[in-house]
Protein backbone atom coordinates (compact mmCIF):
# COMPACT_ATOMS: atom_id res chain seq x y z
CA MET A 1 32.13 -2.77 -21.26
CA SER A 2 28.65 -3.63 -22.51
CA THR A 3 26.30 -5.91 -20.62
CA PRO A 4 25.66 -9.43 -21.89
CA ARG A 5 22.75 -9.77 -24.30
CA HIS A 6 20.65 -11.99 -22.02
CA LEU A 7 20.74 -9.32 -19.28
CA ARG A 8 19.60 -6.62 -21.71
CA VAL A 9 16.81 -8.86 -22.99
CA ALA A 10 15.74 -9.64 -19.40
CA GLN A 11 15.46 -5.92 -18.59
CA SER A 12 13.51 -5.31 -21.80
CA ILE A 13 11.13 -8.18 -20.99
CA LYS A 14 10.57 -6.72 -17.53
CA ARG A 15 9.75 -3.28 -18.95
CA GLU A 16 7.49 -4.53 -21.76
CA LEU A 17 5.66 -7.07 -19.62
CA ALA A 18 4.92 -4.43 -16.99
CA GLU A 19 3.34 -2.33 -19.74
CA MET A 20 1.37 -5.34 -21.02
CA ILE A 21 0.02 -6.17 -17.56
CA LEU A 22 -0.93 -2.56 -16.98
CA ARG A 23 -2.61 -1.90 -20.32
CA GLY A 24 -2.61 -4.91 -22.63
CA ILE A 25 -3.87 -8.00 -20.85
CA LYS A 26 -7.57 -7.73 -20.17
CA ASP A 27 -8.39 -10.39 -17.61
CA GLU A 28 -10.50 -9.79 -14.51
CA ARG A 29 -8.50 -12.42 -12.61
CA ILE A 30 -5.47 -10.13 -12.53
CA SER A 31 -6.00 -8.15 -9.35
CA GLY A 32 -4.08 -6.74 -6.43
CA ILE A 33 -0.84 -4.87 -6.88
CA VAL A 34 1.16 -6.82 -9.45
CA SER A 35 4.89 -6.23 -9.88
CA ILE A 36 7.61 -7.97 -11.78
CA THR A 37 10.42 -8.42 -9.29
CA ASP A 38 12.94 -10.11 -11.58
CA VAL A 39 13.43 -11.74 -14.96
CA GLU A 40 16.07 -14.40 -15.58
CA CYS A 41 16.86 -15.22 -19.19
CA SER A 42 18.83 -18.21 -20.36
CA ALA A 43 22.11 -17.44 -22.11
CA ASP A 44 20.51 -18.05 -25.53
CA CYS A 45 17.42 -15.95 -24.58
CA ARG A 46 15.06 -18.80 -25.45
CA ARG A 47 13.67 -19.15 -21.92
CA ALA A 48 12.65 -16.47 -19.46
CA LYS A 49 11.75 -17.10 -15.83
CA ILE A 50 9.60 -14.20 -14.65
CA PHE A 51 9.16 -13.57 -10.93
CA ILE A 52 5.84 -11.93 -10.11
CA SER A 53 4.82 -10.39 -6.80
CA VAL A 54 1.11 -9.94 -6.12
CA PHE A 55 0.37 -7.84 -3.06
CA GLY A 56 -3.03 -8.95 -1.88
CA GLU A 57 -4.96 -11.93 -0.61
CA GLU A 58 -3.76 -15.46 -1.35
CA GLU A 59 -6.78 -15.97 -3.61
CA GLN A 60 -5.82 -12.88 -5.65
CA GLN A 61 -2.29 -14.22 -5.99
CA GLN A 62 -3.54 -17.58 -7.20
CA HIS A 63 -5.99 -16.06 -9.72
CA THR A 64 -3.37 -13.64 -11.05
CA MET A 65 -0.83 -16.42 -11.58
CA GLU A 66 -3.47 -18.59 -13.32
CA ALA A 67 -4.38 -15.69 -15.62
CA LEU A 68 -0.74 -15.01 -16.52
CA ASN A 69 -0.11 -18.69 -17.22
CA ASP A 70 -3.27 -18.85 -19.37
CA HIS A 71 -2.04 -15.86 -21.39
CA ALA A 72 1.57 -17.13 -21.65
CA GLY A 73 1.29 -17.84 -25.39
CA GLU A 74 -0.03 -14.36 -26.15
CA ILE A 75 2.60 -12.79 -23.89
CA ARG A 76 5.34 -14.79 -25.59
CA GLY A 77 4.27 -13.67 -29.07
CA GLU A 78 3.81 -10.05 -28.05
CA LEU A 79 7.23 -9.93 -26.37
CA CYS A 80 8.79 -11.33 -29.54
CA ARG A 81 7.12 -8.62 -31.63
CA ARG A 82 7.86 -5.75 -29.25
CA LEU A 83 11.50 -6.71 -28.68
CA GLN A 84 12.05 -7.77 -32.30
CA LEU A 85 13.57 -11.08 -31.29
CA ARG A 86 14.23 -13.87 -33.75
CA PHE A 87 12.89 -16.48 -31.33
CA ALA A 88 10.04 -15.92 -28.90
CA PRO A 89 11.30 -16.80 -25.41
CA GLU A 90 9.40 -19.48 -23.53
CA VAL A 91 8.00 -17.70 -20.48
CA MET A 92 7.59 -19.27 -17.07
CA PHE A 93 5.93 -17.37 -14.24
CA LYS A 94 6.95 -17.86 -10.61
CA LEU A 95 5.24 -16.29 -7.62
CA ASP A 96 7.62 -14.16 -5.53
CA ASN A 97 6.40 -13.37 -2.01
CA SER A 98 9.47 -11.37 -0.96
CA LEU A 99 7.72 -7.97 -1.07
CA GLU A 100 4.82 -9.26 1.00
CA ARG A 101 7.20 -10.83 3.53
CA GLY A 102 9.13 -7.57 3.72
CA ALA A 103 5.94 -5.60 4.42
CA HIS A 104 5.01 -8.08 7.16
CA VAL A 105 8.44 -7.81 8.82
CA SER A 106 8.26 -4.01 8.61
CA ALA A 107 4.84 -4.03 10.28
CA LEU A 108 6.16 -6.28 13.06
CA LEU A 109 9.16 -3.99 13.61
CA ASN A 110 6.82 -0.99 13.84
CA LYS A 111 4.73 -2.79 16.47
CA ILE A 112 7.85 -3.63 18.46
CA SER A 113 9.08 -0.04 18.36
CA ARG A 114 5.69 1.18 19.62
CA GLY A 115 5.79 -1.41 22.43
CA GLU A 116 2.74 -3.34 21.22
CA ILE A 117 4.57 -6.66 21.22
């Protein structure tokens, strides 16, 4: 059984956007370790909610999210071209702190196991 189209498009957006952030978008505000944790597409693939994790200081997170939102139009057009979609999906970026929270919990567990806490 094949996967629904919106799931395939979401995976393609995740892959292409990672490439764009790494090589395509030239903005000094994008800093820290940036990862795309998830992409949720609407059933008609006209909207994409993109969850971004920025491992770094809070200021880096804020600047990175501002830069991505400022480049949303360019990203939307480029995704449409790269994925050969009829309609460019409206992109919405959301900050996802789950990786940072996980690293913090892991560090706390390590301290407990060493008897520091």
